[in-house]
C-alpha atoms as a PDB file:
ATOM      1  CA  UNK A   1     -17.635 -13.368  -6.563  1.00  0.00           C
ATOM      2  CA  UNK A   2     -17.127 -10.764  -3.859  1.00  0.00           C
ATOM      3  CA  UNK A   3     -18.258 -11.198  -0.303  1.00  0.00           C
ATOM      4  CA  UNK A   4     -21.467  -9.486   0.962  1.00  0.00           C
ATOM      5  CA  UNK A   5     -19.411  -6.789   2.674  1.00  0.00           C
ATOM      6  CA  UNK A   6     -17.603  -4.424   0.300  1.00  0.00           C
ATOM      7  CA  UNK A   7     -13.836  -4.960   0.451  1.00  0.00           C
ATOM      8  CA  UNK A   8     -11.581  -2.384   2.108  1.00  0.00           C
ATOM      9  CA  UNK A   9      -8.054  -2.341   3.525  1.00  0.00           C
ATOM     10  CA  UNK A  10      -7.551  -4.681   6.525  1.00  0.00           C
ATOM     11  CA  UNK A  11      -4.154  -3.170   7.300  1.00  0.00           C
ATOM     12  CA  UNK A  12      -3.300   0.369   8.478  1.00  0.00           C
ATOM     13  CA  UNK A  13      -0.630   1.827   6.255  1.00  0.00           C
ATOM     14  CA  UNK A  14       1.346   5.065   6.217  1.00  0.00           C
ATOM     15  CA  UNK A  15       0.315   7.193   3.236  1.00  0.00           C
ATOM     16  CA  UNK A  16      -3.178   5.745   2.986  1.00  0.00           C
ATOM     17  CA  UNK A  17      -5.295   7.149   0.176  1.00  0.00           C
ATOM     18  CA  UNK A  18      -8.614   7.779   1.969  1.00  0.00           C
ATOM     19  CA  UNK A  19      -8.593  11.538   1.289  1.00  0.00           C
ATOM     20  CA  UNK A  20      -7.258  11.265  -2.269  1.00  0.00           C
ATOM     21  CA  UNK A  21      -9.446   8.320  -3.240  1.00  0.00           C
ATOM     22  CA  UNK A  22     -12.315  10.274  -4.906  1.00  0.00           C
ATOM     23  CA  UNK A  23      -9.828  12.112  -7.153  1.00  0.00           C
ATOM     24  CA  UNK A  24      -7.966   8.936  -8.026  1.00  0.00           C
ATOM     25  CA  UNK A  25     -11.160   6.944  -8.796  1.00  0.00           C
ATOM     26  CA  UNK A  26     -12.392   9.769 -11.008  1.00  0.00           C
ATOM     27  CA  UNK A  27      -9.301   9.337 -13.150  1.00  0.00           C
ATOM     28  CA  UNK A  28      -9.623   5.561 -13.613  1.00  0.00           C
ATOM     29  CA  UNK A  29     -11.573   4.488 -16.734  1.00  0.00           C
ATOM     30  CA  UNK A  30     -14.929   2.816 -16.008  1.00  0.00           C
ATOM     31  CA  UNK A  31     -13.748  -0.437 -17.648  1.00  0.00           C
ATOM     32  CA  UNK A  32     -10.101  -1.617 -17.216  1.00  0.00           C
ATOM     33  CA  UNK A  33      -8.687  -4.751 -18.752  1.00  0.00           C
ATOM     34  CA  UNK A  34      -5.836  -5.297 -16.253  1.00  0.00           C
ATOM     35  CA  UNK A  35      -5.268  -3.057 -13.236  1.00  0.00           C
ATOM     36  CA  UNK A  36      -1.618  -2.708 -12.059  1.00  0.00           C
ATOM     37  CA  UNK A  37      -0.480  -1.436  -8.710  1.00  0.00           C
ATOM     38  CA  UNK A  38       3.196  -2.114  -8.016  1.00  0.00           C
ATOM     39  CA  UNK A  39       3.261  -0.266  -4.669  1.00  0.00           C
ATOM     40  CA  UNK A  40       0.064  -1.752  -3.183  1.00  0.00           C
ATOM     41  CA  UNK A  41       0.607  -0.884   0.491  1.00  0.00           C
ATOM     42  CA  UNK A  42      -2.750  -0.991   2.228  1.00  0.00           C
ATOM     43  CA  UNK A  43      -4.588  -1.391  -1.101  1.00  0.00           C
ATOM     44  CA  UNK A  44      -7.256   1.329  -0.679  1.00  0.00           C
ATOM     45  CA  UNK A  45      -7.437   2.041  -4.418  1.00  0.00           C
ATOM     46  CA  UNK A  46      -7.444  -1.617  -5.391  1.00  0.00           C
ATOM     47  CA  UNK A  47     -10.194  -2.540  -2.971  1.00  0.00           C
ATOM     48  CA  UNK A  48     -12.372   0.417  -4.052  1.00  0.00           C
ATOM     49  CA  UNK A  49     -12.005  -0.534  -7.689  1.00  0.00           C
ATOM     50  CA  UNK A  50     -12.660  -4.198  -6.857  1.00  0.00           C
ATOM     51  CA  UNK A  51     -15.845  -3.261  -5.006  1.00  0.00           C
ATOM     52  CA  UNK A  52     -17.044  -1.402  -8.102  1.00  0.00           C
ATOM     53  CA  UNK A  53     -16.087  -4.165 -10.505  1.00  0.00           C
ATOM     54  CA  UNK A  54     -13.992  -1.799 -12.649  1.00  0.00           C
ATOM     55  CA  UNK A  55     -11.282  -4.217 -13.835  1.00  0.00           C
ATOM     56  CA  UNK A  56     -11.187  -7.732 -15.310  1.00  0.00           C
ATOM     57  CA  UNK A  57      -7.804  -8.722 -13.925  1.00  0.00           C
ATOM     58  CA  UNK A  58      -5.328  -7.264 -11.448  1.00  0.00           C
ATOM     59  CA  UNK A  59      -1.616  -7.427 -10.748  1.00  0.00           C
ATOM     60  CA  UNK A  60      -0.538  -6.175  -7.334  1.00  0.00           C
ATOM     61  CA  UNK A  61       3.088  -5.819  -6.265  1.00  0.00           C
ATOM     62  CA  UNK A  62       5.281  -4.445  -3.534  1.00  0.00           C
ATOM     63  CA  UNK A  63       8.911  -4.756  -2.513  1.00  0.00           C
ATOM     64  CA  UNK A  64       7.810  -5.528   1.062  1.00  0.00           C
ATOM     65  CA  UNK A  65       7.936  -9.338   1.108  1.00  0.00           C
ATOM     66  CA  UNK A  66       5.945  -9.714   4.335  1.00  0.00           C
ATOM     67  CA  UNK A  67       3.129  -7.591   2.986  1.00  0.00           C
ATOM     68  CA  UNK A  68       2.815  -9.695  -0.195  1.00  0.00           C
ATOM     69  CA  UNK A  69       2.997 -12.881   1.838  1.00  0.00           C
ATOM     70  CA  UNK A  70       0.175 -11.610   3.989  1.00  0.00           C
ATOM     71  CA  UNK A  71      -2.000 -10.811   0.988  1.00  0.00           C
ATOM     72  CA  UNK A  72      -1.272 -14.253  -0.440  1.00  0.00           C
ATOM     73  CA  UNK A  73      -2.347 -15.957   2.775  1.00  0.00           C
ATOM     74  CA  UNK A  74      -5.549 -13.904   3.037  1.00  0.00           C
ATOM     75  CA  UNK A  75      -6.305 -14.660  -0.628  1.00  0.00           C
ATOM     76  CA  UNK A  76      -5.556 -18.370  -0.421  1.00  0.00           C
ATOM     77  CA  UNK A  77      -6.807 -19.399   3.040  1.00  0.00           C
ATOM     78  CA  UNK A  78      -8.497 -16.600   4.964  1.00  0.00           C
ATOM     79  CA  UNK A  79     -10.121 -18.985   7.419  1.00  0.00           C
ATOM     80  CA  UNK A  80      -6.687 -20.228   8.524  1.00  0.00           C
ATOM     81  CA  UNK A  81      -5.553 -16.637   8.985  1.00  0.00           C
ATOM     82  CA  UNK A  82      -8.631 -15.893  11.105  1.00  0.00           C
ATOM     83  CA  UNK A  83      -7.934 -18.955  13.277  1.00  0.00           C
ATOM     84  CA  UNK A  84      -4.303 -17.954  13.713  1.00  0.00           C
ATOM     85  CA  UNK A  85      -5.399 -14.486  14.887  1.00  0.00           C
ATOM     86  CA  UNK A  86      -7.652 -15.982  17.567  1.00  0.00           C
ATOM     87  CA  UNK A  87      -5.164 -16.207  20.458  1.00  0.00           C
ATOM     88  CA  UNK A  88      -3.857 -12.655  19.996  1.00  0.00           C
ATOM     89  CA  UNK A  89      -4.737  -9.941  22.487  1.00  0.00           C
ATOM     90  CA  UNK A  90      -3.776  -6.325  23.015  1.00  0.00           C
ATOM     91  CA  UNK A  91      -0.960  -6.777  25.477  1.00  0.00           C
ATOM     92  CA  UNK A  92       2.428  -5.046  25.539  1.00  0.00           C
ATOM     93  CA  UNK A  93       4.431  -8.058  26.649  1.00  0.00           C
ATOM     94  CA  UNK A  94       2.838 -10.273  24.045  1.00  0.00           C
ATOM     95  CA  UNK A  95       3.378  -7.639  21.376  1.00  0.00           C
ATOM     96  CA  UNK A  96       7.173  -7.621  21.936  1.00  0.00           C
ATOM     97  CA  UNK A  97       7.298 -11.437  22.089  1.00  0.00           C
ATOM     98  CA  UNK A  98       5.564 -11.656  18.756  1.00  0.00           C
ATOM     99  CA  UNK A  99       7.709  -8.938  17.302  1.00  0.00           C
ATOM    100  CA  UNK A 100      10.815 -11.024  18.091  1.00  0.00           C
ATOM    101  CA  UNK A 101       9.539 -14.081  16.165  1.00  0.00           C
ATOM    102  CA  UNK A 102      11.270 -14.682  12.864  1.00  0.00           C
ATOM    103  CA  UNK A 103       8.396 -14.742  10.315  1.00  0.00           C
ATOM    104  CA  UNK A 104      10.370 -17.175   8.134  1.00  0.00           C
ATOM    105  CA  UNK A 105       9.869 -19.889  10.762  1.00  0.00           C
ATOM    106  CA  UNK A 106       6.080 -19.656  10.518  1.00  0.00           C
ATOM    107  CA  UNK A 107       3.520 -21.225   8.204  1.00  0.00           C
ATOM    108  CA  UNK A 108       1.787 -18.855   5.758  1.00  0.00           C
ATOM    109  CA  UNK A 109      -1.364 -18.267   7.867  1.00  0.00           C
ATOM    110  CA  UNK A 110       0.569 -17.740  11.098  1.00  0.00           C
ATOM    111  CA  UNK A 111       2.989 -15.406   9.327  1.00  0.00           C
ATOM    112  CA  UNK A 112       0.077 -13.315   8.004  1.00  0.00           C
ATOM    113  CA  UNK A 113      -1.568 -13.238  11.419  1.00  0.00           C
ATOM    114  CA  UNK A 114       1.677 -12.041  13.008  1.00  0.00           C
ATOM    115  CA  UNK A 115       1.865  -9.102  10.570  1.00  0.00           C
ATOM    116  CA  UNK A 116      -1.804  -8.236  11.060  1.00  0.00           C
ATOM    117  CA  UNK A 117      -1.392  -8.328  14.846  1.00  0.00           C
ATOM    118  CA  UNK A 118       1.703  -6.162  14.812  1.00  0.00           C
ATOM    119  CA  UNK A 119       0.020  -3.742  12.416  1.00  0.00           C
ATOM    120  CA  UNK A 120      -3.121  -3.402  14.564  1.00  0.00           C
ATOM    121  CA  UNK A 121      -1.227  -2.962  17.833  1.00  0.00           C
ATOM    122  CA  UNK A 122       1.949  -1.175  16.764  1.00  0.00           C
ATOM    123  CA  UNK A 123       2.548   2.535  16.988  1.00  0.00           C
ATOM    124  CA  UNK A 124       0.441   4.399  14.366  1.00  0.00           C
ATOM    125  CA  UNK A 125       0.146   1.348  12.174  1.00  0.00           C
ATOM    126  CA  UNK A 126       3.659   1.948  10.890  1.00  0.00           C
ATOM    127  CA  UNK A 127       5.750  -0.627   9.085  1.00  0.00           C
ATOM    128  CA  UNK A 128       9.455  -0.027   9.666  1.00  0.00           C
ATOM    129  CA  UNK A 129      12.458  -2.296   9.654  1.00  0.00           C
ATOM    130  CA  UNK A 130      16.050  -1.898  10.845  1.00  0.00           C
ATOM    131  CA  UNK A 131      19.175  -2.538   8.714  1.00  0.00           C
ATOM    132  CA  UNK A 132      18.811  -6.252   9.348  1.00  0.00           C
ATOM    133  CA  UNK A 133      15.333  -6.233   7.922  1.00  0.00           C
ATOM    134  CA  UNK A 134      13.709  -6.846  11.342  1.00  0.00           C
ATOM    135  CA  UNK A 135      10.441  -5.138  12.201  1.00  0.00           C
ATOM    136  CA  UNK A 136      11.095  -2.574  14.987  1.00  0.00           C
ATOM    137  CA  UNK A 137       7.946  -0.528  15.486  1.00  0.00           C
ATOM    138  CA  UNK A 138       7.126   0.039  19.219  1.00  0.00           C
ATOM    139  CA  UNK A 139       3.864  -0.898  20.920  1.00  0.00           C
ATOM    140  CA  UNK A 140       1.055   1.473  20.198  1.00  0.00           C
ATOM    141  CA  UNK A 141      -1.372   3.278  22.496  1.00  0.00           C
ATOM    142  CA  UNK A 142      -4.973   2.258  21.867  1.00  0.00           C
ATOM    143  CA  UNK A 143      -8.049   1.652  23.992  1.00  0.00           C
ATOM    144  CA  UNK A 144      -9.364  -1.516  22.437  1.00  0.00           C
ATOM    145  CA  UNK A 145      -7.981  -2.175  18.927  1.00  0.00           C
ATOM    146  CA  UNK A 146      -9.773  -4.619  16.647  1.00  0.00           C
ATOM    147  CA  UNK A 147      -7.185  -7.291  16.011  1.00  0.00           C
ATOM    148  CA  UNK A 148      -9.267  -9.736  13.965  1.00  0.00           C
ATOM    149  CA  UNK A 149     -12.037  -8.225  11.781  1.00  0.00           C
ATOM    150  CA  UNK A 150     -13.460 -11.401  10.261  1.00  0.00           C
ATOM    151  CA  UNK A 151     -15.848  -9.703   7.873  1.00  0.00           C
ATOM    152  CA  UNK A 152     -13.193  -7.396   6.576  1.00  0.00           C
ATOM    153  CA  UNK A 153     -10.719 -10.211   6.086  1.00  0.00           C
ATOM    154  CA  UNK A 154     -13.253 -12.370   4.250  1.00  0.00           C
ATOM    155  CA  UNK A 155     -14.272  -9.484   1.983  1.00  0.00           C
ATOM    156  CA  UNK A 156     -10.629  -8.787   1.249  1.00  0.00           C
ATOM    157  CA  UNK A 157     -10.022 -12.468   0.441  1.00  0.00           C
ATOM    158  CA  UNK A 158     -12.910 -12.439  -2.045  1.00  0.00           C
ATOM    159  CA  UNK A 159     -11.572  -9.319  -3.744  1.00  0.00           C
ATOM    160  CA  UNK A 160      -8.076 -10.869  -3.998  1.00  0.00           C
ATOM    161  CA  UNK A 161      -9.326 -14.095  -5.562  1.00  0.00           C
ATOM    162  CA  UNK A 162      -7.573 -14.534  -8.934  1.00  0.00           C
ATOM    163  CA  UNK A 163      -5.330 -11.532  -8.366  1.00  0.00           C
ATOM    164  CA  UNK A 164      -1.674 -11.930  -9.288  1.00  0.00           C
ATOM    165  CA  UNK A 165       0.594 -10.949  -6.368  1.00  0.00           C
ATOM    166  CA  UNK A 166       4.306 -10.256  -6.932  1.00  0.00           C
ATOM    167  CA  UNK A 167       7.217  -9.103  -4.824  1.00  0.00           C
ATOM    168  CA  UNK A 168       9.661  -7.480  -7.202  1.00  0.00           C
ATOM    169  CA  UNK A 169      10.958  -4.178  -8.590  1.00  0.00           C
ATOM    170  CA  UNK A 170       8.276  -1.924  -9.968  1.00  0.00           C
ATOM    171  CA  UNK A 171       9.835  -1.794 -13.381  1.00  0.00           C
ATOM    172  CA  UNK A 172       9.618  -5.516 -13.746  1.00  0.00           C
ATOM    173  CA  UNK A 173       5.964  -5.478 -12.745  1.00  0.00           C
ATOM    174  CA  UNK A 174       5.213  -2.860 -15.375  1.00  0.00           C
ATOM    175  CA  UNK A 175       6.780  -4.513 -18.416  1.00  0.00           C
ATOM    176  CA  UNK A 176       3.469  -5.886 -19.695  1.00  0.00           C
ATOM    177  CA  UNK A 177       0.736  -3.184 -19.397  1.00  0.00           C
ATOM    178  CA  UNK A 178      -0.929  -2.285 -22.736  1.00  0.00           C
ATOM    179  CA  UNK A 179      -3.507   0.262 -23.957  1.00  0.00           C
ATOM    180  CA  UNK A 180      -6.800  -0.597 -22.162  1.00  0.00           C
ATOM    181  CA  UNK A 181      -4.932  -1.341 -18.903  1.00  0.00           C
ATOM    182  CA  UNK A 182      -4.496   1.097 -16.023  1.00  0.00           C
ATOM    183  CA  UNK A 183      -1.570   1.681 -13.664  1.00  0.00           C
ATOM    184  CA  UNK A 184      -1.661   3.370 -10.359  1.00  0.00           C
ATOM    185  CA  UNK A 185       1.760   4.311  -8.817  1.00  0.00           C
ATOM    186  CA  UNK A 186       1.929   5.102  -5.106  1.00  0.00           C
ATOM    187  CA  UNK A 187       5.642   4.908  -4.251  1.00  0.00           C
ATOM    188  CA  UNK A 188       7.224   5.859  -0.924  1.00  0.00           C
ATOM    189  CA  UNK A 189       6.895   9.638  -1.090  1.00  0.00           C
ATOM    190  CA  UNK A 190       9.826  12.041  -1.472  1.00  0.00           C
ATOM    191  CA  UNK A 191      10.229  13.310   2.116  1.00  0.00           C
ATOM    192  CA  UNK A 192       9.267  16.908   2.752  1.00  0.00           C
ATOM    193  CA  UNK A 193      11.902  17.201   5.454  1.00  0.00           C
ATOM    194  CA  UNK A 194      14.785  15.083   6.873  1.00  0.00           C
ATOM    195  CA  UNK A 195      12.519  13.882   9.712  1.00  0.00           C
ATOM    196  CA  UNK A 196       9.526  12.952   7.545  1.00  0.00           C
ATOM    197  CA  UNK A 197      11.098  10.085   5.578  1.00  0.00           C
ATOM    198  CA  UNK A 198       9.398   6.714   5.742  1.00  0.00           C
ATOM    199  CA  UNK A 199      11.775   4.936   3.351  1.00  0.00           C
ATOM    200  CA  UNK A 200      12.850   2.438   6.113  1.00  0.00           C
ATOM    201  CA  UNK A 201       9.918   0.421   4.808  1.00  0.00           C
ATOM    202  CA  UNK A 202      12.170  -2.333   3.525  1.00  0.00           C
ATOM    203  CA  UNK A 203      15.863  -3.223   3.692  1.00  0.00           C
ATOM    204  CA  UNK A 204      16.533  -1.334   0.441  1.00  0.00           C
ATOM    205  CA  UNK A 205      15.546   2.323   0.739  1.00  0.00           C
ATOM    206  CA  UNK A 206      13.508   4.095  -2.019  1.00  0.00           C
ATOM    207  CA  UNK A 207      15.780   7.080  -2.700  1.00  0.00           C
ATOM    208  CA  UNK A 208      16.447   9.653  -5.339  1.00  0.00           C
ATOM    209  CA  UNK A 209      17.693   7.144  -7.958  1.00  0.00           C
ATOM    210  CA  UNK A 210      14.480   5.071  -7.608  1.00  0.00           C
ATOM    211  CA  UNK A 211      12.363   8.211  -7.798  1.00  0.00           C
ATOM    212  CA  UNK A 212      14.092   9.172 -11.082  1.00  0.00           C
ATOM    213  CA  UNK A 213      13.633   5.678 -12.500  1.00  0.00           C
ATOM    214  CA  UNK A 214       9.971   5.846 -11.676  1.00  0.00           C
ATOM    215  CA  UNK A 215       9.550   9.202 -13.381  1.00  0.00           C
ATOM    216  CA  UNK A 216      11.205   7.771 -16.532  1.00  0.00           C
ATOM    217  CA  UNK A 217       8.879   4.784 -16.347  1.00  0.00           C
ATOM    218  CA  UNK A 218       5.794   7.002 -16.127  1.00  0.00           C
ATOM    219  CA  UNK A 219       6.891   8.816 -19.281  1.00  0.00           C
ATOM    220  CA  UNK A 220       7.513   5.467 -20.969  1.00  0.00           C
ATOM    221  CA  UNK A 221       3.956   4.341 -20.079  1.00  0.00           C
ATOM    222  CA  UNK A 222       2.696   7.508 -21.741  1.00  0.00           C
ATOM    223  CA  UNK A 223       4.665   6.750 -24.907  1.00  0.00           C
ATOM    224  CA  UNK A 224       3.111   3.242 -24.851  1.00  0.00           C
ATOM    225  CA  UNK A 225      -0.385   4.816 -24.549  1.00  0.00           C
ATOM    226  CA  UNK A 226      -0.922   3.111 -21.208  1.00  0.00           C
ATOM    227  CA  UNK A 227      -3.062   5.193 -18.841  1.00  0.00           C
ATOM    228  CA  UNK A 228      -1.299   5.685 -15.547  1.00  0.00           C
ATOM    229  CA  UNK A 229      -1.634   7.900 -12.485  1.00  0.00           C
ATOM    230  CA  UNK A 230       1.075   8.651  -9.924  1.00  0.00           C
ATOM    231  CA  UNK A 231       0.847  10.250  -6.539  1.00  0.00           C
ATOM    232  CA  UNK A 232       3.759  11.774  -4.653  1.00  0.00           C
ATOM    233  CA  UNK A 233       4.578  14.648  -2.312  1.00  0.00           C
ATOM    234  CA  UNK A 234       4.512  18.143  -3.707  1.00  0.00           C
ATOM    235  CA  UNK A 235       8.087  19.457  -3.287  1.00  0.00           C
ATOM    236  CA  UNK A 236      10.885  20.869  -5.375  1.00  0.00           C
ATOM    237  CA  UNK A 237      12.250  17.412  -6.222  1.00  0.00           C
ATOM    238  CA  UNK A 238       8.963  16.053  -7.522  1.00  0.00           C
ATOM    239  CA  UNK A 239       8.233  19.239  -9.484  1.00  0.00           C
ATOM    240  CA  UNK A 240      11.588  18.793 -11.181  1.00  0.00           C
ATOM    241  CA  UNK A 241      10.862  15.136 -11.984  1.00  0.00           C
ATOM    242  CA  UNK A 242       7.354  15.601 -13.455  1.00  0.00           C
ATOM    243  CA  UNK A 243       5.818  17.902 -16.017  1.00  0.00           C
ATOM    244  CA  UNK A 244       3.613  20.250 -13.968  1.00  0.00           C
ATOM    245  CA  UNK A 245       1.285  20.723 -16.909  1.00  0.00           C
ATOM    246  CA  UNK A 246       0.129  17.157 -16.299  1.00  0.00           C
ATOM    247  CA  UNK A 247      -0.128  17.506 -12.505  1.00  0.00           C
ATOM    248  CA  UNK A 248      -2.765  18.475  -9.950  1.00  0.00           C
ATOM    249  CA  UNK A 249      -1.843  19.630  -6.477  1.00  0.00           C
ATOM    250  CA  UNK A 250      -4.132  18.329  -3.666  1.00  0.00           C
ATOM    251  CA  UNK A 251      -3.942  19.365  -0.027  1.00  0.00           C
ATOM    252  CA  UNK A 252      -4.047  16.345   2.296  1.00  0.00           C
ATOM    253  CA  UNK A 253      -4.037  16.163   6.066  1.00  0.00           C
ATOM    254  CA  UNK A 254      -1.622  13.491   7.356  1.00  0.00           C
ATOM    255  CA  UNK A 255      -2.019  11.906  10.769  1.00  0.00           C
ATOM    256  CA  UNK A 256       1.493  10.378  10.970  1.00  0.00           C
ATOM    257  CA  UNK A 257       3.019  13.249  12.920  1.00  0.00           C
ATOM    258  CA  UNK A 258       2.941  12.469  16.622  1.00  0.00           C
ATOM    259  CA  UNK A 259       2.516  16.181  17.407  1.00  0.00           C
ATOM    260  CA  UNK A 260      -1.009  17.374  16.595  1.00  0.00           C
ATOM    261  CA  UNK A 261       0.215  20.815  15.583  1.00  0.00           C
ATOM    262  CA  UNK A 262       2.331  19.120  12.881  1.00  0.00           C
ATOM    263  CA  UNK A 263      -0.674  17.629  11.150  1.00  0.00           C
ATOM    264  CA  UNK A 264      -1.491  20.627   8.960  1.00  0.00           C
ATOM    265  CA  UNK A 265      -2.456  19.944   5.331  1.00  0.00           C
ATOM    266  CA  UNK A 266       0.431  19.144   3.019  1.00  0.00           C
ATOM    267  CA  UNK A 267       0.533  19.208  -0.782  1.00  0.00           C
ATOM    268  CA  UNK A 268       0.498  16.027  -2.826  1.00  0.00           C
ATOM    269  CA  UNK A 269       0.848  15.705  -6.567  1.00  0.00           C
ATOM    270  CA  UNK A 270      -1.262  13.615  -8.911  1.00  0.00           C
ATOM    271  CA  UNK A 271       0.585  13.068 -12.184  1.00  0.00           C
ATOM    272  CA  UNK A 272      -0.905  11.459 -15.327  1.00  0.00           C
ATOM    273  CA  UNK A 273       1.154   9.491 -17.897  1.00  0.00           C
ATOM    274  CA  UNK A 274      -0.500  11.541 -20.708  1.00  0.00           C
ATOM    275  CA  UNK A 275      -3.617  13.681 -21.195  1.00  0.00           C
ATOM    276  CA  UNK A 276      -6.836  11.719 -20.700  1.00  0.00           C
END
């Protein structure tokens, strides 16, 4: 049973789906057997569907191991995560001390609390790692960020109860969907320029080969009569990968650019696995 507060993302995440959410939700059938999301990120679509009770089961995946570990800890022992967040405060020195801690040395709740703290206090809520896989986002500039939102964490925990969480390649996650299920694909977007790439999200970048594999998989889901929806940037590469007859272009304003003048609306594509 879900908590009294409706569930919503408890992490800030680049490429969040707040503006696209109404369009995405309108595409999802009212009653889904199993909902699959192999690039869960901040989970905006999942939490909205969970709040509306629109699926029976859910499988959420991501290739970011720390993100999946955080979801597992919030799902399995949210009170321990809340306790672990208690000592944290918005402080630059503390932020860099915590950033240097190896998450593999921490217990699950403490590891999740570390990620939440870095996410709430780091620059623009970014998640970025270096070639060694170490988190390297600088300290952010906020007035008084909320580090521990207990109600939001408890609501998220309730929504995640019984959800299968996996850290693996998207193709492996999507071997099992069948007609009656629904898949939402929100991969790292094809960059619109050399300076707009956020593929340093994990040790292994999500490049052109992975984008091509994903396009092939979407077509395979269509052949299997599995309803699926994919979002990606609207650019020459994505138009070449996907059949434009099955696409909708949506203008979205992104707040990632540090220069306000660079936050003009950009185009995003919504691509269906087949006509529905």
